[in-house]
């Protein structure tokens, strides 16, 4: 399920259906609170890989959620994408992260 896999120094090439499946599996794992899945989604959205659109707001959201779970690299990646975002975009990413956490809390309860 790992989206950030590397093969011989080159990003692993996957067909669109397989890439869509990887993103779907990461989303399912993220719904269960998997910090690594949060990070992998941040990578996918920040690079536009694995059929995910390049979307820095979504990338920041996922890196933020991973960082909250203690993923150190996610905190660095969040800072990197923040450098390319406006204050309004960062605020939107933070709002989406809070919304995700609230929705996750309701599912658990």
PDB file of N, CA and C in Angstrom:
ATOM      1  N   UNK A   1       0.804  -1.187   0.000  1.00  0.00           N
ATOM      2  CA  UNK A   1       0.000   0.000   0.000  1.00  0.00           C
ATOM      3  C   UNK A   1       0.854   1.259   0.000  1.00  0.00           C
ATOM      4  N   UNK A   2       2.132   1.170   0.261  1.00  0.00           N
ATOM      5  CA  UNK A   2       2.959   2.355   0.418  1.00  0.00           C
ATOM      6  C   UNK A   2       3.084   3.118  -0.897  1.00  0.00           C
ATOM      7  N   UNK A   3       2.670   4.367  -0.884  1.00  0.00           N
ATOM      8  CA  UNK A   3       2.717   5.199  -2.075  1.00  0.00           C
ATOM      9  C   UNK A   3       4.112   5.733  -2.359  1.00  0.00           C
ATOM     10  N   UNK A   4       4.960   5.800  -1.367  1.00  0.00           N
ATOM     11  CA  UNK A   4       6.254   6.432  -1.529  1.00  0.00           C
ATOM     12  C   UNK A   4       7.347   5.433  -1.892  1.00  0.00           C
ATOM     13  N   UNK A   5       6.971   4.257  -2.397  1.00  0.00           N
ATOM     14  CA  UNK A   5       7.965   3.245  -2.727  1.00  0.00           C
ATOM     15  C   UNK A   5       8.867   3.724  -3.854  1.00  0.00           C
ATOM     16  N   UNK A   6      10.128   3.327  -3.797  1.00  0.00           N
ATOM     17  CA  UNK A   6      11.127   3.702  -4.791  1.00  0.00           C
ATOM     18  C   UNK A   6      11.704   2.402  -5.369  1.00  0.00           C
ATOM     19  N   UNK A   7      11.917   2.375  -6.666  1.00  0.00           N
ATOM     20  CA  UNK A   7      12.450   1.195  -7.328  1.00  0.00           C
ATOM     21  C   UNK A   7      13.695   1.605  -8.095  1.00  0.00           C
ATOM     22  N   UNK A   8      14.873   1.242  -7.580  1.00  0.00           N
ATOM     23  CA  UNK A   8      16.109   1.552  -8.271  1.00  0.00           C
ATOM     24  C   UNK A   8      16.353   3.045  -8.451  1.00  0.00           C
ATOM     25  N   UNK A   9      15.889   3.859  -7.516  1.00  0.00           N
ATOM     26  CA  UNK A   9      16.089   5.291  -7.592  1.00  0.00           C
ATOM     27  C   UNK A   9      15.031   6.018  -8.403  1.00  0.00           C
ATOM     28  N   UNK A  10      14.160   5.275  -9.070  1.00  0.00           N
ATOM     29  CA  UNK A  10      13.081   5.889  -9.847  1.00  0.00           C
ATOM     30  C   UNK A  10      11.759   5.588  -9.180  1.00  0.00           C
ATOM     31  N   UNK A  11      10.854   6.554  -9.216  1.00  0.00           N
ATOM     32  CA  UNK A  11       9.526   6.317  -8.650  1.00  0.00           C
ATOM     33  C   UNK A  11       8.896   5.148  -9.397  1.00  0.00           C
ATOM     34  N   UNK A  12       8.307   4.248  -8.663  1.00  0.00           N
ATOM     35  CA  UNK A  12       7.689   3.075  -9.247  1.00  0.00           C
ATOM     36  C   UNK A  12       6.543   3.499 -10.159  1.00  0.00           C
ATOM     37  N   UNK A  13       6.540   2.971 -11.388  1.00  0.00           N
ATOM     38  CA  UNK A  13       5.494   3.311 -12.346  1.00  0.00           C
ATOM     39  C   UNK A  13       4.339   2.336 -12.186  1.00  0.00           C
ATOM     40  N   UNK A  14       3.154   2.870 -12.048  1.00  0.00           N
ATOM     41  CA  UNK A  14       1.962   2.058 -11.871  1.00  0.00           C
ATOM     42  C   UNK A  14       0.929   2.489 -12.895  1.00  0.00           C
ATOM     43  N   UNK A  15       0.111   1.535 -13.374  1.00  0.00           N
ATOM     44  CA  UNK A  15      -0.966   1.948 -14.258  1.00  0.00           C
ATOM     45  C   UNK A  15      -2.003   2.714 -13.448  1.00  0.00           C
ATOM     46  N   UNK A  16      -2.878   3.435 -14.134  1.00  0.00           N
ATOM     47  CA  UNK A  16      -3.831   4.319 -13.471  1.00  0.00           C
ATOM     48  C   UNK A  16      -4.745   3.569 -12.520  1.00  0.00           C
ATOM     49  N   UNK A  17      -5.224   2.390 -12.921  1.00  0.00           N
ATOM     50  CA  UNK A  17      -6.121   1.619 -12.055  1.00  0.00           C
ATOM     51  C   UNK A  17      -5.415   1.213 -10.762  1.00  0.00           C
ATOM     52  N   UNK A  18      -4.181   0.756 -10.871  1.00  0.00           N
ATOM     53  CA  UNK A  18      -3.415   0.361  -9.682  1.00  0.00           C
ATOM     54  C   UNK A  18      -3.131   1.582  -8.809  1.00  0.00           C
ATOM     55  N   UNK A  19      -2.822   2.716  -9.438  1.00  0.00           N
ATOM     56  CA  UNK A  19      -2.552   3.932  -8.670  1.00  0.00           C
ATOM     57  C   UNK A  19      -3.805   4.388  -7.940  1.00  0.00           C
ATOM     58  N   UNK A  20      -4.954   4.351  -8.633  1.00  0.00           N
ATOM     59  CA  UNK A  20      -6.214   4.705  -7.980  1.00  0.00           C
ATOM     60  C   UNK A  20      -6.475   3.802  -6.786  1.00  0.00           C
ATOM     61  N   UNK A  21      -6.156   2.523  -6.931  1.00  0.00           N
ATOM     62  CA  UNK A  21      -6.360   1.561  -5.853  1.00  0.00           C
ATOM     63  C   UNK A  21      -5.462   1.894  -4.657  1.00  0.00           C
ATOM     64  N   UNK A  22      -4.222   2.274  -4.934  1.00  0.00           N
ATOM     65  CA  UNK A  22      -3.301   2.633  -3.845  1.00  0.00           C
ATOM     66  C   UNK A  22      -3.817   3.845  -3.074  1.00  0.00           C
ATOM     67  N   UNK A  23      -4.299   4.850  -3.793  1.00  0.00           N
ATOM     68  CA  UNK A  23      -4.835   6.042  -3.127  1.00  0.00           C
ATOM     69  C   UNK A  23      -6.064   5.652  -2.299  1.00  0.00           C
ATOM     70  N   UNK A  24      -6.926   4.816  -2.867  1.00  0.00           N
ATOM     71  CA  UNK A  24      -8.130   4.373  -2.145  1.00  0.00           C
ATOM     72  C   UNK A  24      -7.744   3.610  -0.878  1.00  0.00           C
ATOM     73  N   UNK A  25      -6.732   2.746  -0.968  1.00  0.00           N
ATOM     74  CA  UNK A  25      -6.284   1.986   0.211  1.00  0.00           C
ATOM     75  C   UNK A  25      -5.700   2.921   1.266  1.00  0.00           C
ATOM     76  N   UNK A  26      -4.957   3.925   0.831  1.00  0.00           N
ATOM     77  CA  UNK A  26      -4.398   4.888   1.785  1.00  0.00           C
ATOM     78  C   UNK A  26      -5.505   5.692   2.445  1.00  0.00           C
ATOM     79  N   UNK A  27      -6.518   6.074   1.681  1.00  0.00           N
ATOM     80  CA  UNK A  27      -7.645   6.800   2.261  1.00  0.00           C
ATOM     81  C   UNK A  27      -8.361   5.936   3.297  1.00  0.00           C
ATOM     82  N   UNK A  28      -8.517   4.650   3.004  1.00  0.00           N
ATOM     83  CA  UNK A  28      -9.160   3.741   3.958  1.00  0.00           C
ATOM     84  C   UNK A  28      -8.317   3.616   5.228  1.00  0.00           C
ATOM     85  N   UNK A  29      -7.001   3.496   5.068  1.00  0.00           N
ATOM     86  CA  UNK A  29      -6.112   3.414   6.228  1.00  0.00           C
ATOM     87  C   UNK A  29      -6.115   4.731   7.004  1.00  0.00           C
ATOM     88  N   UNK A  30      -6.158   5.844   6.275  1.00  0.00           N
ATOM     89  CA  UNK A  30      -6.202   7.151   6.934  1.00  0.00           C
ATOM     90  C   UNK A  30      -7.469   7.284   7.765  1.00  0.00           C
ATOM     91  N   UNK A  31      -8.563   6.736   7.265  1.00  0.00           N
ATOM     92  CA  UNK A  31      -9.827   6.793   8.009  1.00  0.00           C
ATOM     93  C   UNK A  31      -9.725   6.032   9.320  1.00  0.00           C
ATOM     94  N   UNK A  32      -8.788   5.107   9.400  1.00  0.00           N
ATOM     95  CA  UNK A  32      -8.555   4.347  10.630  1.00  0.00           C
ATOM     96  C   UNK A  32      -7.492   5.009  11.510  1.00  0.00           C
ATOM     97  N   UNK A  33      -6.976   6.183  11.084  1.00  0.00           N
ATOM     98  CA  UNK A  33      -5.997   6.911  11.886  1.00  0.00           C
ATOM     99  C   UNK A  33      -4.551   6.519  11.638  1.00  0.00           C
ATOM    100  N   UNK A  34      -4.260   5.911  10.501  1.00  0.00           N
ATOM    101  CA  UNK A  34      -2.907   5.467  10.170  1.00  0.00           C
ATOM    102  C   UNK A  34      -2.051   6.666   9.751  1.00  0.00           C
ATOM    103  N   UNK A  35      -1.106   7.048  10.615  1.00  0.00           N
ATOM    104  CA  UNK A  35      -0.247   8.198  10.355  1.00  0.00           C
ATOM    105  C   UNK A  35       0.613   8.042   9.115  1.00  0.00           C
ATOM    106  N   UNK A  36       1.045   6.828   8.822  1.00  0.00           N
ATOM    107  CA  UNK A  36       1.843   6.596   7.616  1.00  0.00           C
ATOM    108  C   UNK A  36       0.992   6.816   6.368  1.00  0.00           C
ATOM    109  N   UNK A  37      -0.258   6.423   6.418  1.00  0.00           N
ATOM    110  CA  UNK A  37      -1.158   6.661   5.285  1.00  0.00           C
ATOM    111  C   UNK A  37      -1.357   8.165   5.097  1.00  0.00           C
ATOM    112  N   UNK A  38      -1.462   8.914   6.183  1.00  0.00           N
ATOM    113  CA  UNK A  38      -1.568  10.368   6.077  1.00  0.00           C
ATOM    114  C   UNK A  38      -0.358  10.917   5.320  1.00  0.00           C
ATOM    115  N   UNK A  39       0.817  10.466   5.715  1.00  0.00           N
ATOM    116  CA  UNK A  39       2.049  10.928   5.075  1.00  0.00           C
ATOM    117  C   UNK A  39       2.058  10.558   3.601  1.00  0.00           C
ATOM    118  N   UNK A  40       1.715   9.307   3.290  1.00  0.00           N
ATOM    119  CA  UNK A  40       1.718   8.852   1.903  1.00  0.00           C
ATOM    120  C   UNK A  40       0.758   9.668   1.045  1.00  0.00           C
ATOM    121  N   UNK A  41      -0.385  10.026   1.599  1.00  0.00           N
ATOM    122  CA  UNK A  41      -1.334  10.874   0.868  1.00  0.00           C
ATOM    123  C   UNK A  41      -0.752  12.270   0.662  1.00  0.00           C
ATOM    124  N   UNK A  42      -0.055  12.791   1.662  1.00  0.00           N
ATOM    125  CA  UNK A  42       0.610  14.085   1.501  1.00  0.00           C
ATOM    126  C   UNK A  42       1.613  14.060   0.369  1.00  0.00           C
ATOM    127  N   UNK A  43       2.383  12.981   0.290  1.00  0.00           N
ATOM    128  CA  UNK A  43       3.355  12.833  -0.800  1.00  0.00           C
ATOM    129  C   UNK A  43       2.635  12.791  -2.143  1.00  0.00           C
ATOM    130  N   UNK A  44       1.571  11.988  -2.224  1.00  0.00           N
ATOM    131  CA  UNK A  44       0.841  11.860  -3.486  1.00  0.00           C
ATOM    132  C   UNK A  44       0.287  13.205  -3.945  1.00  0.00           C
ATOM    133  N   UNK A  45      -0.338  13.954  -3.029  1.00  0.00           N
ATOM    134  CA  UNK A  45      -0.933  15.237  -3.414  1.00  0.00           C
ATOM    135  C   UNK A  45       0.122  16.322  -3.645  1.00  0.00           C
ATOM    136  N   UNK A  46       1.253  16.252  -2.972  1.00  0.00           N
ATOM    137  CA  UNK A  46       2.275  17.288  -3.174  1.00  0.00           C
ATOM    138  C   UNK A  46       3.039  17.091  -4.473  1.00  0.00           C
ATOM    139  N   UNK A  47       3.089  15.869  -4.965  1.00  0.00           N
ATOM    140  CA  UNK A  47       3.839  15.583  -6.190  1.00  0.00           C
ATOM    141  C   UNK A  47       2.935  15.291  -7.385  1.00  0.00           C
ATOM    142  N   UNK A  48       1.649  15.096  -7.137  1.00  0.00           N
ATOM    143  CA  UNK A  48       0.744  14.727  -8.217  1.00  0.00           C
ATOM    144  C   UNK A  48       0.980  13.310  -8.697  1.00  0.00           C
ATOM    145  N   UNK A  49       1.482  12.467  -7.807  1.00  0.00           N
ATOM    146  CA  UNK A  49       1.780  11.082  -8.187  1.00  0.00           C
ATOM    147  C   UNK A  49       0.624  10.155  -7.863  1.00  0.00           C
ATOM    148  N   UNK A  50       0.686   8.969  -8.407  1.00  0.00           N
ATOM    149  CA  UNK A  50      -0.295   7.905  -8.141  1.00  0.00           C
ATOM    150  C   UNK A  50      -1.722   8.353  -8.427  1.00  0.00           C
ATOM    151  N   UNK A  51      -1.899   9.045  -9.514  1.00  0.00           N
ATOM    152  CA  UNK A  51      -3.194   9.523 -10.020  1.00  0.00           C
ATOM    153  C   UNK A  51      -3.837  10.602  -9.143  1.00  0.00           C
ATOM    154  N   UNK A  52      -3.159  11.041  -8.111  1.00  0.00           N
ATOM    155  CA  UNK A  52      -3.679  12.135  -7.286  1.00  0.00           C
ATOM    156  C   UNK A  52      -3.327  13.448  -7.976  1.00  0.00           C
ATOM    157  N   UNK A  53      -4.244  14.403  -7.977  1.00  0.00           N
ATOM    158  CA  UNK A  53      -3.899  15.705  -8.568  1.00  0.00           C
ATOM    159  C   UNK A  53      -2.894  16.434  -7.677  1.00  0.00           C
ATOM    160  N   UNK A  54      -2.047  17.243  -8.272  1.00  0.00           N
ATOM    161  CA  UNK A  54      -1.135  18.057  -7.476  1.00  0.00           C
ATOM    162  C   UNK A  54      -1.971  19.144  -6.807  1.00  0.00           C
ATOM    163  N   UNK A  55      -2.072  19.078  -5.482  1.00  0.00           N
ATOM    164  CA  UNK A  55      -2.929  19.985  -4.716  1.00  0.00           C
ATOM    165  C   UNK A  55      -2.241  20.257  -3.385  1.00  0.00           C
ATOM    166  N   UNK A  56      -1.607  21.414  -3.282  1.00  0.00           N
ATOM    167  CA  UNK A  56      -0.837  21.719  -2.080  1.00  0.00           C
ATOM    168  C   UNK A  56      -1.701  21.876  -0.840  1.00  0.00           C
ATOM    169  N   UNK A  57      -2.947  22.322  -1.002  1.00  0.00           N
ATOM    170  CA  UNK A  57      -3.841  22.436   0.156  1.00  0.00           C
ATOM    171  C   UNK A  57      -4.099  21.038   0.724  1.00  0.00           C
ATOM    172  N   UNK A  58      -4.421  20.082  -0.144  1.00  0.00           N
ATOM    173  CA  UNK A  58      -4.638  18.705   0.317  1.00  0.00           C
ATOM    174  C   UNK A  58      -3.350  18.101   0.867  1.00  0.00           C
ATOM    175  N   UNK A  59      -2.229  18.365   0.205  1.00  0.00           N
ATOM    176  CA  UNK A  59      -0.945  17.850   0.685  1.00  0.00           C
ATOM    177  C   UNK A  59      -0.657  18.360   2.090  1.00  0.00           C
ATOM    178  N   UNK A  60      -0.838  19.664   2.300  1.00  0.00           N
ATOM    179  CA  UNK A  60      -0.600  20.254   3.620  1.00  0.00           C
ATOM    180  C   UNK A  60      -1.506  19.604   4.648  1.00  0.00           C
ATOM    181  N   UNK A  61      -2.782  19.401   4.299  1.00  0.00           N
ATOM    182  CA  UNK A  61      -3.728  18.761   5.223  1.00  0.00           C
ATOM    183  C   UNK A  61      -3.192  17.402   5.675  1.00  0.00           C
ATOM    184  N   UNK A  62      -2.805  16.566   4.715  1.00  0.00           N
ATOM    185  CA  UNK A  62      -2.351  15.206   5.054  1.00  0.00           C
ATOM    186  C   UNK A  62      -1.028  15.228   5.808  1.00  0.00           C
ATOM    187  N   UNK A  63      -0.092  16.102   5.409  1.00  0.00           N
ATOM    188  CA  UNK A  63       1.169  16.214   6.151  1.00  0.00           C
ATOM    189  C   UNK A  63       0.908  16.702   7.575  1.00  0.00           C
ATOM    190  N   UNK A  64      -0.024  17.626   7.736  1.00  0.00           N
ATOM    191  CA  UNK A  64      -0.377  18.140   9.054  1.00  0.00           C
ATOM    192  C   UNK A  64      -0.922  17.014   9.936  1.00  0.00           C
ATOM    193  N   UNK A  65      -1.828  16.212   9.388  1.00  0.00           N
ATOM    194  CA  UNK A  65      -2.401  15.096  10.152  1.00  0.00           C
ATOM    195  C   UNK A  65      -1.322  14.081  10.536  1.00  0.00           C
ATOM    196  N   UNK A  66      -0.397  13.813   9.614  1.00  0.00           N
ATOM    197  CA  UNK A  66       0.697  12.882   9.914  1.00  0.00           C
ATOM    198  C   UNK A  66       1.613  13.454  10.992  1.00  0.00           C
ATOM    199  N   UNK A  67       1.890  14.754  10.913  1.00  0.00           N
ATOM    200  CA  UNK A  67       2.756  15.390  11.908  1.00  0.00           C
ATOM    201  C   UNK A  67       2.129  15.327  13.292  1.00  0.00           C
ATOM    202  N   UNK A  68       0.818  15.511  13.356  1.00  0.00           N
ATOM    203  CA  UNK A  68       0.112  15.421  14.642  1.00  0.00           C
ATOM    204  C   UNK A  68       0.269  14.025  15.232  1.00  0.00           C
ATOM    205  N   UNK A  69       0.368  13.023  14.361  1.00  0.00           N
ATOM    206  CA  UNK A  69       0.561  11.638  14.814  1.00  0.00           C
ATOM    207  C   UNK A  69       2.020  11.340  15.161  1.00  0.00           C
ATOM    208  N   UNK A  70       2.899  12.336  15.028  1.00  0.00           N
ATOM    209  CA  UNK A  70       4.295  12.165  15.410  1.00  0.00           C
ATOM    210  C   UNK A  70       5.233  11.820  14.275  1.00  0.00           C
ATOM    211  N   UNK A  71       4.782  11.914  13.040  1.00  0.00           N
ATOM    212  CA  UNK A  71       5.615  11.603  11.878  1.00  0.00           C
ATOM    213  C   UNK A  71       6.530  12.803  11.615  1.00  0.00           C
ATOM    214  N   UNK A  72       7.825  12.672  11.945  1.00  0.00           N
ATOM    215  CA  UNK A  72       8.762  13.799  11.848  1.00  0.00           C
ATOM    216  C   UNK A  72       8.940  14.306  10.430  1.00  0.00           C
ATOM    217  N   UNK A  73       9.089  13.403   9.475  1.00  0.00           N
ATOM    218  CA  UNK A  73       9.301  13.817   8.095  1.00  0.00           C
ATOM    219  C   UNK A  73       8.098  14.606   7.569  1.00  0.00           C
ATOM    220  N   UNK A  74       6.908  14.256   8.042  1.00  0.00           N
ATOM    221  CA  UNK A  74       5.703  14.962   7.616  1.00  0.00           C
ATOM    222  C   UNK A  74       5.754  16.426   8.039  1.00  0.00           C
ATOM    223  N   UNK A  75       6.294  16.689   9.216  1.00  0.00           N
ATOM    224  CA  UNK A  75       6.406  18.076   9.680  1.00  0.00           C
ATOM    225  C   UNK A  75       7.321  18.879   8.760  1.00  0.00           C
ATOM    226  N   UNK A  76       8.407  18.263   8.301  1.00  0.00           N
ATOM    227  CA  UNK A  76       9.318  18.935   7.370  1.00  0.00           C
ATOM    228  C   UNK A  76       8.637  19.165   6.020  1.00  0.00           C
ATOM    229  N   UNK A  77       7.922  18.154   5.555  1.00  0.00           N
ATOM    230  CA  UNK A  77       7.226  18.276   4.264  1.00  0.00           C
ATOM    231  C   UNK A  77       6.133  19.337   4.334  1.00  0.00           C
ATOM    232  N   UNK A  78       5.446  19.394   5.450  1.00  0.00           N
ATOM    233  CA  UNK A  78       4.413  20.423   5.639  1.00  0.00           C
ATOM    234  C   UNK A  78       5.037  21.806   5.542  1.00  0.00           C
ATOM    235  N   UNK A  79       6.180  21.989   6.163  1.00  0.00           N
ATOM    236  CA  UNK A  79       6.868  23.288   6.096  1.00  0.00           C
ATOM    237  C   UNK A  79       7.292  23.605   4.664  1.00  0.00           C
ATOM    238  N   UNK A  80       7.759  22.599   3.937  1.00  0.00           N
ATOM    239  CA  UNK A  80       8.171  22.810   2.547  1.00  0.00           C
ATOM    240  C   UNK A  80       7.001  23.246   1.672  1.00  0.00           C
ATOM    241  N   UNK A  81       5.864  22.562   1.784  1.00  0.00           N
ATOM    242  CA  UNK A  81       4.731  22.953   0.940  1.00  0.00           C
ATOM    243  C   UNK A  81       4.167  24.302   1.384  1.00  0.00           C
ATOM    244  N   UNK A  82       4.276  24.608   2.667  1.00  0.00           N
ATOM    245  CA  UNK A  82       3.800  25.906   3.168  1.00  0.00           C
ATOM    246  C   UNK A  82       4.521  27.065   2.498  1.00  0.00           C
ATOM    247  N   UNK A  83       5.796  26.856   2.176  1.00  0.00           N
ATOM    248  CA  UNK A  83       6.583  27.907   1.524  1.00  0.00           C
ATOM    249  C   UNK A  83       6.018  28.298   0.160  1.00  0.00           C
ATOM    250  N   UNK A  84       5.243  27.413  -0.435  1.00  0.00           N
ATOM    251  CA  UNK A  84       4.684  27.656  -1.769  1.00  0.00           C
ATOM    252  C   UNK A  84       3.207  28.031  -1.727  1.00  0.00           C
ATOM    253  N   UNK A  85       2.674  28.236  -0.517  1.00  0.00           N
ATOM    254  CA  UNK A  85       1.241  28.495  -0.357  1.00  0.00           C
ATOM    255  C   UNK A  85       0.994  29.890   0.201  1.00  0.00           C
ATOM    256  N   UNK A  86      -0.191  30.411  -0.070  1.00  0.00           N
ATOM    257  CA  UNK A  86      -0.601  31.686   0.534  1.00  0.00           C
ATOM    258  C   UNK A  86      -1.127  31.403   1.944  1.00  0.00           C
ATOM    259  N   UNK A  87      -1.262  32.448   2.728  1.00  0.00           N
ATOM    260  CA  UNK A  87      -1.812  32.311   4.080  1.00  0.00           C
ATOM    261  C   UNK A  87      -3.236  31.758   4.017  1.00  0.00           C
ATOM    262  N   UNK A  88      -3.995  32.183   3.027  1.00  0.00           N
ATOM    263  CA  UNK A  88      -5.370  31.706   2.864  1.00  0.00           C
ATOM    264  C   UNK A  88      -5.404  30.203   2.547  1.00  0.00           C
ATOM    265  N   UNK A  89      -4.488  29.745   1.713  1.00  0.00           N
ATOM    266  CA  UNK A  89      -4.419  28.315   1.385  1.00  0.00           C
ATOM    267  C   UNK A  89      -4.039  27.484   2.618  1.00  0.00           C
ATOM    268  N   UNK A  90      -3.107  27.992   3.403  1.00  0.00           N
ATOM    269  CA  UNK A  90      -2.704  27.290   4.629  1.00  0.00           C
ATOM    270  C   UNK A  90      -3.879  27.214   5.596  1.00  0.00           C
ATOM    271  N   UNK A  91      -4.600  28.298   5.737  1.00  0.00           N
ATOM    272  CA  UNK A  91      -5.779  28.305   6.614  1.00  0.00           C
ATOM    273  C   UNK A  91      -6.809  27.282   6.131  1.00  0.00           C
ATOM    274  N   UNK A  92      -7.002  27.195   4.829  1.00  0.00           N
ATOM    275  CA  UNK A  92      -7.942  26.211   4.272  1.00  0.00           C
ATOM    276  C   UNK A  92      -7.467  24.786   4.556  1.00  0.00           C
ATOM    277  N   UNK A  93      -6.171  24.543   4.408  1.00  0.00           N
ATOM    278  CA  UNK A  93      -5.623  23.216   4.692  1.00  0.00           C
ATOM    279  C   UNK A  93      -5.835  22.850   6.161  1.00  0.00           C
ATOM    280  N   UNK A  94      -5.628  23.805   7.047  1.00  0.00           N
ATOM    281  CA  UNK A  94      -5.825  23.555   8.475  1.00  0.00           C
ATOM    282  C   UNK A  94      -7.299  23.302   8.785  1.00  0.00           C
ATOM    283  N   UNK A  95      -8.183  24.035   8.112  1.00  0.00           N
ATOM    284  CA  UNK A  95      -9.623  23.816   8.294  1.00  0.00           C
ATOM    285  C   UNK A  95     -10.008  22.400   7.845  1.00  0.00           C
ATOM    286  N   UNK A  96      -9.460  21.985   6.707  1.00  0.00           N
ATOM    287  CA  UNK A  96      -9.757  20.634   6.211  1.00  0.00           C
ATOM    288  C   UNK A  96      -9.226  19.554   7.155  1.00  0.00           C
ATOM    289  N   UNK A  97      -8.057  19.789   7.737  1.00  0.00           N
ATOM    290  CA  UNK A  97      -7.501  18.816   8.684  1.00  0.00           C
ATOM    291  C   UNK A  97      -8.388  18.710   9.924  1.00  0.00           C
ATOM    292  N   UNK A  98      -8.839  19.849  10.439  1.00  0.00           N
ATOM    293  CA  UNK A  98      -9.740  19.825  11.600  1.00  0.00           C
ATOM    294  C   UNK A  98     -11.049  19.121  11.258  1.00  0.00           C
ATOM    295  N   UNK A  99     -11.558  19.383  10.062  1.00  0.00           N
ATOM    296  CA  UNK A  99     -12.795  18.740   9.610  1.00  0.00           C
ATOM    297  C   UNK A  99     -12.616  17.226   9.523  1.00  0.00           C
ATOM    298  N   UNK A 100     -11.469  16.790   9.006  1.00  0.00           N
ATOM    299  CA  UNK A 100     -11.174  15.349   8.917  1.00  0.00           C
ATOM    300  C   UNK A 100     -11.157  14.731  10.312  1.00  0.00           C
ATOM    301  N   UNK A 101     -10.502  15.410  11.258  1.00  0.00           N
ATOM    302  CA  UNK A 101     -10.427  14.883  12.621  1.00  0.00           C
ATOM    303  C   UNK A 101     -11.802  14.816  13.273  1.00  0.00           C
ATOM    304  N   UNK A 102     -12.612  15.843  13.075  1.00  0.00           N
ATOM    305  CA  UNK A 102     -13.976  15.821  13.637  1.00  0.00           C
ATOM    306  C   UNK A 102     -14.784  14.674  13.039  1.00  0.00           C
ATOM    307  N   UNK A 103     -14.693  14.473  11.740  1.00  0.00           N
ATOM    308  CA  UNK A 103     -15.428  13.398  11.082  1.00  0.00           C
ATOM    309  C   UNK A 103     -14.924  12.043  11.562  1.00  0.00           C
ATOM    310  N   UNK A 104     -13.627  11.920  11.771  1.00  0.00           N
ATOM    311  CA  UNK A 104     -13.052  10.653  12.259  1.00  0.00           C
ATOM    312  C   UNK A 104     -13.511  10.358  13.669  1.00  0.00           C
ATOM    313  N   UNK A 105     -13.601  11.407  14.509  1.00  0.00           N
ATOM    314  CA  UNK A 105     -14.052  11.229  15.891  1.00  0.00           C
ATOM    315  C   UNK A 105     -15.496  10.734  15.930  1.00  0.00           C
ATOM    316  N   UNK A 106     -16.320  11.239  15.037  1.00  0.00           N
ATOM    317  CA  UNK A 106     -17.734  10.803  15.004  1.00  0.00           C
ATOM    318  C   UNK A 106     -17.829   9.330  14.599  1.00  0.00           C
ATOM    319  N   UNK A 107     -16.976   8.887  13.695  1.00  0.00           N
ATOM    320  CA  UNK A 107     -17.023   7.495  13.252  1.00  0.00           C
ATOM    321  C   UNK A 107     -16.596   6.554  14.367  1.00  0.00           C
ATOM    322  N   UNK A 108     -15.618   6.987  15.171  1.00  0.00           N
ATOM    323  CA  UNK A 108     -15.108   6.157  16.267  1.00  0.00           C
ATOM    324  C   UNK A 108     -16.111   6.071  17.390  1.00  0.00           C
ATOM    325  N   UNK A 109     -16.775   7.167  17.689  1.00  0.00           N
ATOM    326  CA  UNK A 109     -17.683   7.243  18.828  1.00  0.00           C
ATOM    327  C   UNK A 109     -18.908   6.377  18.687  1.00  0.00           C
TER     328      UNK A 109
END
